[in-house]
N, C-alpha and C. Protein backbone atom coordinates (compact mmCIF):
# COMPACT_ATOMS: atom_id res chain seq x y z
N MET A 1 7.38 6.82 9.47
CA MET A 1 8.22 5.72 9.88
C MET A 1 7.42 4.76 10.75
N THR A 2 6.53 5.32 11.54
CA THR A 2 5.69 4.49 12.40
C THR A 2 4.79 3.59 11.56
N ILE A 3 4.26 4.15 10.48
CA ILE A 3 3.39 3.37 9.60
C ILE A 3 4.16 2.21 8.97
N LEU A 4 5.39 2.46 8.58
CA LEU A 4 6.21 1.39 8.00
C LEU A 4 6.44 0.27 9.02
N CYS A 5 6.76 0.63 10.24
CA CYS A 5 6.95 -0.39 11.29
C CYS A 5 5.66 -1.16 11.55
N LEU A 6 4.55 -0.45 11.54
CA LEU A 6 3.27 -1.13 11.76
C LEU A 6 2.93 -2.09 10.62
N THR A 7 3.20 -1.70 9.38
CA THR A 7 2.91 -2.60 8.27
C THR A 7 3.82 -3.82 8.29
N ILE A 8 5.08 -3.62 8.67
CA ILE A 8 5.99 -4.76 8.77
C ILE A 8 5.51 -5.72 9.86
N LEU A 9 5.12 -5.18 11.00
CA LEU A 9 4.61 -6.03 12.08
C LEU A 9 3.31 -6.72 11.68
N ALA A 10 2.44 -6.00 10.98
CA ALA A 10 1.16 -6.59 10.59
C ALA A 10 1.35 -7.75 9.61
N PHE A 11 2.19 -7.56 8.61
CA PHE A 11 2.41 -8.64 7.65
C PHE A 11 3.21 -9.78 8.26
N ALA A 12 4.08 -9.48 9.20
CA ALA A 12 4.80 -10.56 9.90
C ALA A 12 3.82 -11.40 10.71
N ASP A 13 2.91 -10.73 11.40
CA ASP A 13 1.92 -11.44 12.20
C ASP A 13 0.98 -12.27 11.32
N ALA A 14 0.56 -11.69 10.20
CA ALA A 14 -0.34 -12.41 9.30
C ALA A 14 0.34 -13.63 8.69
N SER A 15 1.58 -13.47 8.25
CA SER A 15 2.27 -14.61 7.64
C SER A 15 2.60 -15.68 8.67
N TYR A 16 2.87 -15.28 9.90
CA TYR A 16 3.12 -16.27 10.95
C TYR A 16 1.84 -17.03 11.29
N ALA A 17 0.70 -16.33 11.29
CA ALA A 17 -0.57 -17.00 11.55
C ALA A 17 -0.92 -17.99 10.44
N VAL A 18 -0.66 -17.60 9.20
CA VAL A 18 -0.92 -18.51 8.08
C VAL A 18 0.01 -19.72 8.15
N SER A 19 1.25 -19.50 8.53
CA SER A 19 2.19 -20.61 8.65
C SER A 19 1.77 -21.57 9.76
N ASN A 20 1.27 -21.03 10.86
CA ASN A 20 0.85 -21.89 11.97
C ASN A 20 -0.47 -22.60 11.68
N ALA A 21 -1.23 -22.13 10.70
CA ALA A 21 -2.48 -22.79 10.34
C ALA A 21 -2.24 -24.08 9.58
N ILE A 22 -1.04 -24.29 9.10
CA ILE A 22 -0.70 -25.53 8.39
C ILE A 22 -0.58 -26.64 9.43
N THR A 23 -1.32 -27.71 9.21
CA THR A 23 -1.36 -28.78 10.22
C THR A 23 -0.09 -29.62 10.25
N ASP A 24 0.54 -29.79 9.12
CA ASP A 24 1.78 -30.59 9.06
C ASP A 24 2.97 -29.70 9.45
N PRO A 25 3.62 -29.95 10.58
CA PRO A 25 4.72 -29.08 11.02
C PRO A 25 5.92 -29.07 10.08
N THR A 26 6.07 -30.08 9.26
CA THR A 26 7.22 -30.10 8.33
C THR A 26 7.01 -29.17 7.15
N LYS A 27 5.76 -28.78 6.86
CA LYS A 27 5.48 -27.89 5.74
C LYS A 27 5.38 -26.43 6.15
N ARG A 28 5.49 -26.13 7.42
CA ARG A 28 5.46 -24.74 7.87
C ARG A 28 6.72 -24.03 7.43
N TYR A 29 6.57 -22.81 6.96
CA TYR A 29 7.74 -22.08 6.50
C TYR A 29 8.25 -21.11 7.55
N PHE A 30 7.55 -20.92 8.67
CA PHE A 30 8.06 -20.16 9.80
C PHE A 30 7.85 -20.99 11.06
N THR A 31 8.93 -21.25 11.77
CA THR A 31 8.81 -22.00 13.03
C THR A 31 8.81 -21.07 14.23
N ALA A 32 9.26 -19.83 14.05
CA ALA A 32 9.29 -18.85 15.13
C ALA A 32 8.83 -17.50 14.60
N TYR A 33 8.34 -16.66 15.51
CA TYR A 33 7.82 -15.35 15.09
C TYR A 33 8.91 -14.47 14.53
N TRP A 34 10.11 -14.55 15.07
CA TRP A 34 11.19 -13.69 14.59
C TRP A 34 11.53 -13.99 13.13
N GLN A 35 11.31 -15.22 12.68
CA GLN A 35 11.57 -15.54 11.27
C GLN A 35 10.58 -14.82 10.36
N SER A 36 9.32 -14.78 10.76
CA SER A 36 8.34 -14.07 9.93
C SER A 36 8.57 -12.56 9.99
N LEU A 37 9.02 -12.05 11.14
CA LEU A 37 9.33 -10.63 11.26
C LEU A 37 10.52 -10.27 10.37
N LEU A 38 11.53 -11.11 10.37
CA LEU A 38 12.69 -10.88 9.51
C LEU A 38 12.30 -10.95 8.03
N ARG A 39 11.46 -11.93 7.67
CA ARG A 39 11.05 -12.06 6.27
C ARG A 39 10.21 -10.85 5.84
N SER A 40 9.35 -10.36 6.72
CA SER A 40 8.54 -9.19 6.40
C SER A 40 9.43 -7.95 6.24
N TYR A 41 10.43 -7.82 7.08
CA TYR A 41 11.37 -6.71 6.96
C TYR A 41 12.15 -6.78 5.66
N LEU A 42 12.59 -7.98 5.30
CA LEU A 42 13.34 -8.14 4.05
C LEU A 42 12.46 -7.90 2.83
N ILE A 43 11.18 -8.26 2.91
CA ILE A 43 10.26 -7.95 1.81
C ILE A 43 10.13 -6.44 1.65
N ALA A 44 10.08 -5.72 2.77
CA ALA A 44 9.99 -4.25 2.71
C ALA A 44 11.24 -3.65 2.07
N LEU A 45 12.38 -4.31 2.25
CA LEU A 45 13.62 -3.81 1.66
C LEU A 45 13.82 -4.26 0.22
N GLY A 46 13.00 -5.19 -0.24
CA GLY A 46 13.10 -5.62 -1.63
C GLY A 46 13.68 -7.00 -1.83
N ASP A 47 13.86 -7.77 -0.79
CA ASP A 47 14.35 -9.14 -0.92
C ASP A 47 13.16 -10.06 -1.11
N PHE A 48 12.95 -10.52 -2.33
CA PHE A 48 11.74 -11.28 -2.66
C PHE A 48 12.01 -12.77 -2.70
N ASP A 49 12.63 -13.31 -1.68
CA ASP A 49 12.82 -14.74 -1.57
C ASP A 49 11.54 -15.34 -1.01
N TYR A 50 10.74 -15.91 -1.88
CA TYR A 50 9.43 -16.39 -1.46
C TYR A 50 9.47 -17.80 -0.92
N GLY A 51 10.63 -18.38 -0.81
CA GLY A 51 10.83 -19.64 -0.12
C GLY A 51 9.96 -20.77 -0.62
N ASN A 52 9.33 -21.45 0.30
CA ASN A 52 8.55 -22.64 -0.04
C ASN A 52 7.05 -22.40 0.14
N TYR A 53 6.57 -21.28 -0.34
CA TYR A 53 5.14 -20.98 -0.24
C TYR A 53 4.30 -21.99 -1.01
N ASN A 54 4.82 -22.48 -2.14
CA ASN A 54 4.04 -23.41 -2.95
C ASN A 54 3.88 -24.77 -2.29
N GLY A 55 4.84 -25.16 -1.48
CA GLY A 55 4.77 -26.47 -0.86
C GLY A 55 3.90 -26.53 0.38
N SER A 56 3.39 -25.37 0.80
CA SER A 56 2.59 -25.36 2.02
C SER A 56 1.13 -25.66 1.71
N GLY A 57 0.39 -25.94 2.75
CA GLY A 57 -1.03 -26.22 2.58
C GLY A 57 -1.85 -24.96 2.38
N GLN A 58 -1.28 -23.79 2.63
CA GLN A 58 -1.97 -22.51 2.50
C GLN A 58 -1.30 -21.67 1.41
N ALA A 59 -1.06 -22.27 0.26
CA ALA A 59 -0.28 -21.59 -0.79
C ALA A 59 -0.96 -20.34 -1.31
N VAL A 60 -2.26 -20.38 -1.53
CA VAL A 60 -2.95 -19.21 -2.10
C VAL A 60 -2.92 -18.05 -1.11
N LEU A 61 -3.20 -18.33 0.14
CA LEU A 61 -3.19 -17.27 1.15
C LEU A 61 -1.78 -16.75 1.40
N SER A 62 -0.80 -17.64 1.34
CA SER A 62 0.59 -17.20 1.50
C SER A 62 1.01 -16.27 0.37
N TRP A 63 0.65 -16.62 -0.86
CA TRP A 63 0.98 -15.76 -1.99
C TRP A 63 0.23 -14.44 -1.93
N LEU A 64 -1.00 -14.47 -1.47
CA LEU A 64 -1.78 -13.24 -1.35
C LEU A 64 -1.11 -12.29 -0.36
N PHE A 65 -0.70 -12.80 0.80
CA PHE A 65 -0.02 -11.94 1.78
C PHE A 65 1.33 -11.47 1.27
N PHE A 66 2.03 -12.32 0.53
CA PHE A 66 3.32 -11.92 -0.03
C PHE A 66 3.15 -10.77 -1.02
N ILE A 67 2.17 -10.87 -1.91
CA ILE A 67 1.95 -9.81 -2.90
C ILE A 67 1.46 -8.54 -2.23
N LEU A 68 0.55 -8.66 -1.27
CA LEU A 68 0.08 -7.49 -0.55
C LEU A 68 1.21 -6.81 0.22
N ALA A 69 2.03 -7.60 0.88
CA ALA A 69 3.16 -7.03 1.63
C ALA A 69 4.12 -6.32 0.69
N THR A 70 4.37 -6.90 -0.46
CA THR A 70 5.27 -6.29 -1.43
C THR A 70 4.73 -4.94 -1.91
N LEU A 71 3.47 -4.92 -2.29
CA LEU A 71 2.89 -3.67 -2.81
C LEU A 71 2.72 -2.62 -1.72
N VAL A 72 2.16 -2.98 -0.59
CA VAL A 72 1.89 -2.01 0.46
C VAL A 72 3.18 -1.44 1.03
N ASN A 73 4.17 -2.28 1.27
CA ASN A 73 5.42 -1.77 1.83
C ASN A 73 6.16 -0.88 0.84
N CYS A 74 6.07 -1.17 -0.45
CA CYS A 74 6.69 -0.29 -1.45
C CYS A 74 6.02 1.07 -1.47
N VAL A 75 4.70 1.08 -1.40
CA VAL A 75 3.97 2.35 -1.39
C VAL A 75 4.29 3.15 -0.13
N VAL A 76 4.37 2.48 1.00
CA VAL A 76 4.70 3.16 2.25
C VAL A 76 6.12 3.72 2.20
N MET A 77 7.06 2.96 1.66
CA MET A 77 8.44 3.44 1.56
C MET A 77 8.54 4.64 0.61
N LEU A 78 7.82 4.59 -0.52
CA LEU A 78 7.83 5.74 -1.43
C LEU A 78 7.20 6.96 -0.79
N ASN A 79 6.13 6.75 -0.04
CA ASN A 79 5.50 7.86 0.67
C ASN A 79 6.44 8.46 1.70
N LEU A 80 7.21 7.62 2.38
CA LEU A 80 8.19 8.09 3.35
C LEU A 80 9.29 8.90 2.65
N LEU A 81 9.72 8.45 1.50
CA LEU A 81 10.73 9.18 0.74
C LEU A 81 10.21 10.54 0.30
N ILE A 82 8.99 10.59 -0.18
CA ILE A 82 8.40 11.87 -0.61
C ILE A 82 8.27 12.82 0.57
N ALA A 83 7.90 12.31 1.74
CA ALA A 83 7.77 13.16 2.92
C ALA A 83 9.12 13.75 3.33
N VAL A 84 10.17 12.95 3.29
CA VAL A 84 11.50 13.44 3.68
C VAL A 84 11.99 14.49 2.69
N VAL A 85 11.82 14.22 1.40
CA VAL A 85 12.28 15.16 0.38
C VAL A 85 11.50 16.47 0.44
N SER A 86 10.19 16.39 0.63
CA SER A 86 9.40 17.62 0.67
C SER A 86 9.71 18.43 1.93
N GLU A 87 10.01 17.77 3.04
CA GLU A 87 10.38 18.51 4.25
C GLU A 87 11.72 19.23 4.07
N THR A 88 12.66 18.56 3.43
CA THR A 88 13.96 19.18 3.15
C THR A 88 13.80 20.35 2.19
N PHE A 89 12.96 20.18 1.17
CA PHE A 89 12.72 21.27 0.23
C PHE A 89 12.09 22.46 0.92
N ALA A 90 11.15 22.21 1.83
CA ALA A 90 10.51 23.31 2.55
C ALA A 90 11.51 24.04 3.44
N ASP A 91 12.44 23.31 4.06
CA ASP A 91 13.47 23.95 4.89
C ASP A 91 14.39 24.82 4.04
N VAL A 92 14.79 24.32 2.89
CA VAL A 92 15.67 25.08 2.01
C VAL A 92 14.94 26.30 1.46
N LEU A 93 13.71 26.14 1.07
CA LEU A 93 12.93 27.25 0.53
C LEU A 93 12.68 28.31 1.59
N GLY A 94 12.56 27.92 2.85
CA GLY A 94 12.32 28.87 3.92
C GLY A 94 13.51 29.77 4.20
N THR A 95 14.71 29.30 3.92
CA THR A 95 15.92 30.11 4.15
C THR A 95 16.51 30.65 2.85
N LYS A 96 15.70 30.71 1.81
CA LYS A 96 16.19 31.14 0.50
C LYS A 96 16.68 32.58 0.51
N VAL A 97 15.90 33.49 1.08
CA VAL A 97 16.27 34.91 1.07
C VAL A 97 17.52 35.15 1.89
N GLU A 98 17.59 34.56 3.07
CA GLU A 98 18.76 34.74 3.93
C GLU A 98 20.03 34.21 3.26
N ASN A 99 19.92 33.04 2.64
CA ASN A 99 21.09 32.46 1.97
C ASN A 99 21.51 33.26 0.75
N THR A 100 20.56 33.86 0.07
CA THR A 100 20.89 34.70 -1.09
C THR A 100 21.70 35.90 -0.65
N PHE A 101 21.26 36.61 0.39
CA PHE A 101 22.01 37.77 0.88
C PHE A 101 23.36 37.37 1.46
N LYS A 102 23.42 36.22 2.11
CA LYS A 102 24.68 35.74 2.66
C LYS A 102 25.69 35.46 1.55
N GLU A 103 25.25 34.82 0.47
CA GLU A 103 26.15 34.53 -0.66
C GLU A 103 26.60 35.82 -1.35
N ARG A 104 25.70 36.79 -1.50
CA ARG A 104 26.09 38.08 -2.09
C ARG A 104 27.12 38.79 -1.24
N ALA A 105 26.93 38.76 0.08
CA ALA A 105 27.89 39.40 0.98
C ALA A 105 29.25 38.71 0.90
N MET A 106 29.26 37.40 0.79
CA MET A 106 30.53 36.68 0.67
C MET A 106 31.23 37.01 -0.65
N ILE A 107 30.48 37.15 -1.74
CA ILE A 107 31.08 37.50 -3.03
C ILE A 107 31.67 38.90 -2.97
N ILE A 108 30.95 39.83 -2.33
CA ILE A 108 31.46 41.21 -2.20
C ILE A 108 32.71 41.23 -1.36
N SER A 109 32.73 40.48 -0.24
CA SER A 109 33.92 40.49 0.63
C SER A 109 35.11 39.82 -0.05
N GLU A 110 34.87 38.80 -0.86
CA GLU A 110 35.97 38.14 -1.55
C GLU A 110 36.54 39.01 -2.67
N ASN A 111 35.73 39.83 -3.28
CA ASN A 111 36.17 40.64 -4.42
C ASN A 111 36.27 42.12 -4.08
N TYR A 112 36.43 42.44 -2.81
CA TYR A 112 36.51 43.84 -2.38
C TYR A 112 37.73 44.54 -2.96
N PHE A 113 38.81 43.80 -3.16
CA PHE A 113 40.03 44.40 -3.67
C PHE A 113 39.85 44.95 -5.09
N LEU A 114 38.88 44.49 -5.84
CA LEU A 114 38.64 44.98 -7.19
C LEU A 114 38.02 46.39 -7.18
N LEU A 115 37.35 46.74 -6.10
CA LEU A 115 36.69 48.04 -6.00
C LEU A 115 37.64 49.15 -5.61
N SER A 116 38.78 48.83 -5.04
CA SER A 116 39.68 49.90 -4.60
C SER A 116 40.81 50.15 -5.56
């Protein structure tokens, strides 16, 4: 989770720096840092509104950061999902024997009347 937050912050900072490198203030697509942070977070969630990257003076660099952010954040999110699922699987597998005996005992107690 820390890695995901760091990648979101890194791409937000990079896109804000590229936006501020544009000399014409009317062509900047981020006027405040929180806007680039929000856009980076939304890119990580899958919202691919690329706005007015083409109209800026740094179009190639803006598109490069957009594509990199899209790919890297997707890989990080998938890695996070795999980590959560494998941890849950390890927890379930660790209690497999205990749960098996517990279920057998419950079946025996529920059907005890059949034995008498």
